[in-house]
Amino acid sequence: MAICSDIFSKEFSDIIVNYSTVVGGIAAGLWVLFRFGIFREGYPKIEHDIDIAVHGEDKAGILVELETTMNNKGQTRHEVHDFKFSLFYLTADDQFKPGCDEMNCQVKFNPLRKKQSWIPKKWESTFVEPGVCQRYSYITTVPKEARYLLLISRFDYSDDESGFHTAQRVWNLDDLRKK
């Protein structure tokens, strides 16, 4: 009887080990799927924000600092490519008219800087490490008669799947001057 018991115990142990191996493999596969497939842990998670500060005026125009920040909340380095902005303005005399379909029929602004790079051309690209909030700025002037500013920032992700990311915002220069 002891021999049957030992054989049964060994077979039962083998079944438990094989079952545990299969369940563990499935669990590991699901973990990888959720972590890297659904939750995209292998890709950067970027918060992209923009701001404008007024630093002074002279006879020719208004000195402004355009600012963008990228906060990499992911676990991988974010390579930034084609990192550009466009700056537009409206004067007090301009009417709020809808633009073309390309801009989703939003209010049309006068162009000031189009597709200007946030970084020097010789850099070609830049990066943001995981857990880092990186700030970039660009100092320029806007016409003295400008009343509203529209800043649009855009960059391309390095992987083909993610595409691009944009940030867009409008400021009233009268409000900015009071800060």
C-alpha atoms as a PDB file:
ATOM      1  CA  MET A   1       0.000   0.000   0.000  1.00  0.00           C
ATOM      2  CA  ALA A   2       2.910   2.340   0.721  1.00  0.00           C
ATOM      3  CA  ILE A   3       4.191   1.914  -2.830  1.00  0.00           C
ATOM      4  CA  CYS A   4       0.812   3.007  -4.284  1.00  0.00           C
ATOM      5  CA  SER A   5       0.776   5.960  -1.948  1.00  0.00           C
ATOM      6  CA  ASP A   6       4.298   7.024  -3.045  1.00  0.00           C
ATOM      7  CA  ILE A   7       3.401   6.663  -6.731  1.00  0.00           C
ATOM      8  CA  PHE A   8       0.183   8.625  -6.206  1.00  0.00           C
ATOM      9  CA  SER A   9       2.085  11.346  -4.283  1.00  0.00           C
ATOM     10  CA  LYS A  10       4.716  11.642  -7.030  1.00  0.00           C
ATOM     11  CA  GLU A  11       2.085  11.826  -9.793  1.00  0.00           C
ATOM     12  CA  PHE A  12       0.086  14.339  -7.786  1.00  0.00           C
ATOM     13  CA  SER A  13       3.252  16.410  -7.198  1.00  0.00           C
ATOM     14  CA  ASP A  14       4.090  16.298 -10.915  1.00  0.00           C
ATOM     15  CA  ILE A  15       0.568  17.452 -11.794  1.00  0.00           C
ATOM     16  CA  ILE A  16       0.795  20.352  -9.316  1.00  0.00           C
ATOM     17  CA  VAL A  17       4.245  21.373 -10.636  1.00  0.00           C
ATOM     18  CA  ASN A  18       3.103  21.219 -14.277  1.00  0.00           C
ATOM     19  CA  TYR A  19      -0.115  23.115 -13.477  1.00  0.00           C
ATOM     20  CA  SER A  20       1.841  25.780 -11.561  1.00  0.00           C
ATOM     21  CA  THR A  21       4.271  26.156 -14.463  1.00  0.00           C
ATOM     22  CA  VAL A  22       1.438  26.670 -16.942  1.00  0.00           C
ATOM     23  CA  VAL A  23      -0.411  29.121 -14.675  1.00  0.00           C
ATOM     24  CA  GLY A  24       2.838  31.012 -13.968  1.00  0.00           C
ATOM     25  CA  GLY A  25       3.611  31.243 -17.684  1.00  0.00           C
ATOM     26  CA  ILE A  26       0.127  32.566 -18.447  1.00  0.00           C
ATOM     27  CA  ALA A  27       0.358  35.070 -15.578  1.00  0.00           C
ATOM     28  CA  ALA A  28       3.771  36.290 -16.796  1.00  0.00           C
ATOM     29  CA  GLY A  29       2.432  36.621 -20.350  1.00  0.00           C
ATOM     30  CA  LEU A  30      -0.559  38.638 -19.143  1.00  0.00           C
ATOM     31  CA  TRP A  31       1.708  40.842 -17.044  1.00  0.00           C
ATOM     32  CA  VAL A  32       3.891  41.585 -20.081  1.00  0.00           C
ATOM     33  CA  LEU A  33       0.811  42.231 -22.248  1.00  0.00           C
ATOM     34  CA  PHE A  34      -0.702  44.680 -19.766  1.00  0.00           C
ATOM     35  CA  ARG A  35       2.558  46.347 -18.807  1.00  0.00           C
ATOM     36  CA  PHE A  36       4.029  46.863 -22.270  1.00  0.00           C
ATOM     37  CA  GLY A  37       1.077  46.354 -24.625  1.00  0.00           C
ATOM     38  CA  ILE A  38      -1.883  48.020 -22.984  1.00  0.00           C
ATOM     39  CA  PHE A  39      -0.180  50.373 -20.499  1.00  0.00           C
ATOM     40  CA  ARG A  40       2.717  51.066 -22.917  1.00  0.00           C
ATOM     41  CA  GLU A  41       5.478  50.979 -20.277  1.00  0.00           C
ATOM     42  CA  GLY A  42       8.072  50.775 -23.049  1.00  0.00           C
ATOM     43  CA  TYR A  43       7.063  54.218 -24.329  1.00  0.00           C
ATOM     44  CA  PRO A  44       7.539  57.680 -22.796  1.00  0.00           C
ATOM     45  CA  LYS A  45       4.545  59.275 -21.082  1.00  0.00           C
ATOM     46  CA  ILE A  46       4.884  62.999 -21.732  1.00  0.00           C
ATOM     47  CA  GLU A  47       3.026  65.959 -20.260  1.00  0.00           C
ATOM     48  CA  HIS A  48       3.649  68.884 -22.616  1.00  0.00           C
ATOM     49  CA  ASP A  49       2.785  72.432 -21.502  1.00  0.00           C
ATOM     50  CA  ILE A  50       3.465  75.944 -22.798  1.00  0.00           C
ATOM     51  CA  ASP A  51       3.554  79.433 -21.298  1.00  0.00           C
ATOM     52  CA  ILE A  52       4.438  83.023 -22.178  1.00  0.00           C
ATOM     53  CA  ALA A  53       5.966  85.756 -19.994  1.00  0.00           C
ATOM     54  CA  VAL A  54       6.302  89.453 -20.834  1.00  0.00           C
ATOM     55  CA  HIS A  55       9.663  90.954 -19.816  1.00  0.00           C
ATOM     56  CA  GLY A  56       9.396  94.512 -21.108  1.00  0.00           C
ATOM     57  CA  GLU A  57       8.586  96.918 -23.918  1.00  0.00           C
ATOM     58  CA  ASP A  58      10.404  99.440 -26.044  1.00  0.00           C
ATOM     59  CA  LYS A  59       9.455 101.567 -29.063  1.00  0.00           C
ATOM     60  CA  ALA A  60       9.770  98.611 -31.444  1.00  0.00           C
ATOM     61  CA  GLY A  61       7.834  95.928 -29.596  1.00  0.00           C
ATOM     62  CA  ILE A  62       7.236  93.718 -26.591  1.00  0.00           C
ATOM     63  CA  LEU A  63       9.919  91.350 -25.291  1.00  0.00           C
ATOM     64  CA  VAL A  64       8.382  87.937 -24.533  1.00  0.00           C
ATOM     65  CA  GLU A  65       9.716  84.595 -23.379  1.00  0.00           C
ATOM     66  CA  LEU A  66       7.992  81.568 -24.870  1.00  0.00           C
ATOM     67  CA  GLU A  67       8.326  78.498 -22.683  1.00  0.00           C
ATOM     68  CA  THR A  68       7.581  74.827 -23.084  1.00  0.00           C
ATOM     69  CA  THR A  69       7.981  72.070 -20.535  1.00  0.00           C
ATOM     70  CA  MET A  70       8.032  68.327 -21.019  1.00  0.00           C
ATOM     71  CA  ASN A  71       7.489  66.120 -18.015  1.00  0.00           C
ATOM     72  CA  ASN A  72       8.435  62.493 -18.721  1.00  0.00           C
ATOM     73  CA  LYS A  73       6.256  60.432 -16.388  1.00  0.00           C
ATOM     74  CA  GLY A  74       7.185  57.193 -18.148  1.00  0.00           C
ATOM     75  CA  GLN A  75      10.015  54.765 -17.531  1.00  0.00           C
ATOM     76  CA  THR A  76      11.902  55.247 -20.807  1.00  0.00           C
ATOM     77  CA  ARG A  77      13.947  58.114 -22.241  1.00  0.00           C
ATOM     78  CA  HIS A  78      11.943  60.383 -24.561  1.00  0.00           C
ATOM     79  CA  GLU A  79      13.743  61.344 -27.763  1.00  0.00           C
ATOM     80  CA  VAL A  80      12.296  64.621 -29.090  1.00  0.00           C
ATOM     81  CA  HIS A  81      12.320  65.133 -32.866  1.00  0.00           C
ATOM     82  CA  ASP A  82      10.995  67.954 -35.058  1.00  0.00           C
ATOM     83  CA  PHE A  83      10.441  70.092 -31.942  1.00  0.00           C
ATOM     84  CA  LYS A  84       8.863  73.314 -33.222  1.00  0.00           C
ATOM     85  CA  PHE A  85       6.457  76.103 -32.353  1.00  0.00           C
ATOM     86  CA  SER A  86       4.385  78.655 -34.201  1.00  0.00           C
ATOM     87  CA  LEU A  87       3.492  82.049 -32.740  1.00  0.00           C
ATOM     88  CA  PHE A  88       0.540  84.117 -33.935  1.00  0.00           C
ATOM     89  CA  TYR A  89      -1.074  87.367 -32.805  1.00  0.00           C
ATOM     90  CA  LEU A  90      -4.201  89.512 -33.082  1.00  0.00           C
ATOM     91  CA  THR A  91      -4.432  93.275 -32.672  1.00  0.00           C
ATOM     92  CA  ALA A  92      -7.317  95.201 -31.119  1.00  0.00           C
ATOM     93  CA  ASP A  93      -8.437  96.058 -34.665  1.00  0.00           C
ATOM     94  CA  ASP A  94      -8.509  92.433 -35.879  1.00  0.00           C
ATOM     95  CA  GLN A  95     -11.862  90.696 -35.949  1.00  0.00           C
ATOM     96  CA  PHE A  96     -12.365  87.205 -34.585  1.00  0.00           C
ATOM     97  CA  LYS A  97     -12.885  85.319 -37.848  1.00  0.00           C
ATOM     98  CA  PRO A  98     -12.925  81.538 -38.257  1.00  0.00           C
ATOM     99  CA  GLY A  99      -9.911  80.096 -40.022  1.00  0.00           C
ATOM    100  CA  CYS A 100      -9.646  77.295 -42.537  1.00  0.00           C
ATOM    101  CA  ASP A 101     -10.350  73.589 -42.121  1.00  0.00           C
ATOM    102  CA  GLU A 102      -6.627  72.973 -41.541  1.00  0.00           C
ATOM    103  CA  MET A 103      -6.979  74.760 -38.180  1.00  0.00           C
ATOM    104  CA  ASN A 104     -10.332  73.092 -37.437  1.00  0.00           C
ATOM    105  CA  CYS A 105     -12.125  76.411 -38.173  1.00  0.00           C
ATOM    106  CA  GLN A 106     -10.637  78.054 -35.061  1.00  0.00           C
ATOM    107  CA  VAL A 107     -10.136  81.832 -34.948  1.00  0.00           C
ATOM    108  CA  LYS A 108      -7.587  82.957 -37.524  1.00  0.00           C
ATOM    109  CA  PHE A 109      -4.521  84.712 -36.104  1.00  0.00           C
ATOM    110  CA  ASN A 110      -1.784  86.635 -37.929  1.00  0.00           C
ATOM    111  CA  PRO A 111       1.449  84.611 -38.238  1.00  0.00           C
ATOM    112  CA  LEU A 112       4.560  85.899 -36.497  1.00  0.00           C
ATOM    113  CA  ARG A 113       6.844  82.818 -36.326  1.00  0.00           C
ATOM    114  CA  LYS A 114       5.932  79.612 -38.166  1.00  0.00           C
ATOM    115  CA  LYS A 115       7.530  76.241 -37.468  1.00  0.00           C
ATOM    116  CA  GLN A 116      10.407  77.750 -35.503  1.00  0.00           C
ATOM    117  CA  SER A 117      12.632  75.245 -33.715  1.00  0.00           C
ATOM    118  CA  TRP A 118      12.718  75.302 -29.895  1.00  0.00           C
ATOM    119  CA  ILE A 119      16.314  74.060 -30.011  1.00  0.00           C
ATOM    120  CA  PRO A 120      19.380  75.154 -32.001  1.00  0.00           C
ATOM    121  CA  LYS A 121      19.615  73.518 -35.447  1.00  0.00           C
ATOM    122  CA  LYS A 122      22.976  71.939 -34.671  1.00  0.00           C
ATOM    123  CA  TRP A 123      21.348  69.857 -31.891  1.00  0.00           C
ATOM    124  CA  GLU A 124      19.034  68.059 -34.367  1.00  0.00           C
ATOM    125  CA  SER A 125      17.119  66.548 -31.433  1.00  0.00           C
ATOM    126  CA  THR A 126      16.925  66.513 -27.659  1.00  0.00           C
ATOM    127  CA  PHE A 127      15.692  64.114 -24.977  1.00  0.00           C
ATOM    128  CA  VAL A 128      13.967  63.958 -21.599  1.00  0.00           C
ATOM    129  CA  GLU A 129      14.969  61.266 -19.118  1.00  0.00           C
ATOM    130  CA  PRO A 130      12.314  59.358 -17.105  1.00  0.00           C
ATOM    131  CA  GLY A 131      11.038  61.318 -14.110  1.00  0.00           C
ATOM    132  CA  VAL A 132      12.516  64.601 -15.396  1.00  0.00           C
ATOM    133  CA  CYS A 133      10.652  67.826 -16.202  1.00  0.00           C
ATOM    134  CA  GLN A 134      12.658  69.623 -18.909  1.00  0.00           C
ATOM    135  CA  ARG A 135      12.138  73.321 -19.730  1.00  0.00           C
ATOM    136  CA  TYR A 136      12.931  75.018 -23.053  1.00  0.00           C
ATOM    137  CA  SER A 137      12.511  78.717 -23.832  1.00  0.00           C
ATOM    138  CA  TYR A 138      12.705  81.065 -26.784  1.00  0.00           C
ATOM    139  CA  ILE A 139      13.102  84.853 -26.430  1.00  0.00           C
ATOM    140  CA  THR A 140      11.532  87.027 -29.112  1.00  0.00           C
ATOM    141  CA  THR A 141       9.573  90.230 -29.665  1.00  0.00           C
ATOM    142  CA  VAL A 142       6.009  90.759 -30.752  1.00  0.00           C
ATOM    143  CA  PRO A 143       4.532  93.890 -32.322  1.00  0.00           C
ATOM    144  CA  LYS A 144       3.527  96.608 -29.892  1.00  0.00           C
ATOM    145  CA  GLU A 145      -0.016  96.584 -31.297  1.00  0.00           C
ATOM    146  CA  ALA A 146      -0.484  92.865 -30.510  1.00  0.00           C
ATOM    147  CA  ARG A 147      -3.289  92.196 -28.035  1.00  0.00           C
ATOM    148  CA  TYR A 148      -3.614  88.392 -28.117  1.00  0.00           C
ATOM    149  CA  LEU A 149      -0.958  85.739 -28.651  1.00  0.00           C
ATOM    150  CA  LEU A 150      -1.497  82.162 -29.807  1.00  0.00           C
ATOM    151  CA  LEU A 151       1.332  79.687 -29.220  1.00  0.00           C
ATOM    152  CA  ILE A 152       1.279  76.194 -30.739  1.00  0.00           C
ATOM    153  CA  SER A 153       4.016  73.711 -29.873  1.00  0.00           C
ATOM    154  CA  ARG A 154       4.559  70.329 -31.510  1.00  0.00           C
ATOM    155  CA  PHE A 155       7.040  67.464 -31.443  1.00  0.00           C
ATOM    156  CA  ASP A 156       7.290  64.019 -32.995  1.00  0.00           C
ATOM    157  CA  TYR A 157       7.848  60.868 -30.978  1.00  0.00           C
ATOM    158  CA  SER A 158      10.781  58.706 -32.050  1.00  0.00           C
ATOM    159  CA  ASP A 159       8.618  55.594 -32.495  1.00  0.00           C
ATOM    160  CA  ASP A 160       6.256  55.287 -35.458  1.00  0.00           C
ATOM    161  CA  GLU A 161       3.318  54.149 -33.334  1.00  0.00           C
ATOM    162  CA  SER A 162       2.971  57.260 -31.133  1.00  0.00           C
ATOM    163  CA  GLY A 163       2.960  59.935 -33.859  1.00  0.00           C
ATOM    164  CA  PHE A 164       3.138  63.506 -32.551  1.00  0.00           C
ATOM    165  CA  HIS A 165       2.056  65.645 -29.588  1.00  0.00           C
ATOM    166  CA  THR A 166       0.833  69.251 -29.552  1.00  0.00           C
ATOM    167  CA  ALA A 167       0.018  71.968 -27.036  1.00  0.00           C
ATOM    168  CA  GLN A 168      -1.877  75.161 -27.901  1.00  0.00           C
ATOM    169  CA  ARG A 169      -2.921  78.177 -25.849  1.00  0.00           C
ATOM    170  CA  VAL A 170      -4.031  81.830 -26.201  1.00  0.00           C
ATOM    171  CA  TRP A 171      -2.946  84.715 -23.943  1.00  0.00           C
ATOM    172  CA  ASN A 172      -4.268  88.237 -23.536  1.00  0.00           C
ATOM    173  CA  LEU A 173      -1.205  90.516 -23.499  1.00  0.00           C
ATOM    174  CA  ASP A 174      -2.932  93.004 -21.178  1.00  0.00           C
ATOM    175  CA  ASP A 175      -3.174  90.211 -18.571  1.00  0.00           C
ATOM    176  CA  LEU A 176       0.445  89.171 -19.145  1.00  0.00           C
ATOM    177  CA  ARG A 177       1.691  92.736 -18.623  1.00  0.00           C
ATOM    178  CA  LYS A 178       0.056  92.814 -15.161  1.00  0.00           C
ATOM    179  CA  LYS A 179       1.992  89.768 -13.926  1.00  0.00           C
END
